[in-house]
Amino acid sequence: MIKEKPRRSKESMGTTKLKRNSGRSKGH
């Protein structure tokens, strides 16, 4: 459970960063 917790957090952050990067690239 502890191992999955950080993994989910990392995946969530990565998705947010990827989504933000995509939006910025499209906006540009």
Protein backbone atom coordinates (compact mmCIF):
# COMPACT_ATOMS: atom_id res chain seq x y z
CA MET A 1 0.00 0.00 0.00
CA ILE A 2 2.80 2.41 0.88
CA LYS A 3 4.58 1.53 -2.35
CA GLU A 4 1.44 2.08 -4.42
CA LYS A 5 0.74 5.43 -2.72
CA PRO A 6 3.89 7.19 -4.03
CA ARG A 7 3.51 5.45 -7.38
CA ARG A 8 0.00 6.86 -7.84
CA SER A 9 1.15 10.30 -6.73
CA LYS A 10 4.01 10.21 -9.22
CA GLU A 11 1.70 9.08 -12.02
CA SER A 12 -0.80 11.80 -11.11
CA MET A 13 1.92 14.46 -11.16
CA GLY A 14 3.30 13.15 -14.44
CA THR A 15 -0.14 13.29 -16.03
CA THR A 16 -0.68 16.84 -14.81
CA LYS A 17 2.72 17.91 -16.09
CA LEU A 18 2.14 16.18 -19.42
CA LYS A 19 -1.30 17.75 -19.75
CA ARG A 20 0.08 21.19 -18.86
CA ASN A 21 2.96 20.77 -21.31
CA SER A 22 0.57 19.69 -24.05
CA GLY A 23 -1.67 22.72 -23.42
CA ARG A 24 1.32 25.05 -23.47
CA SER A 25 2.65 23.52 -26.68
CA LYS A 26 -0.78 23.79 -28.33
CA GLY A 27 -1.24 27.36 -27.11
CA HIS A 28 2.14 28.28 -28.50
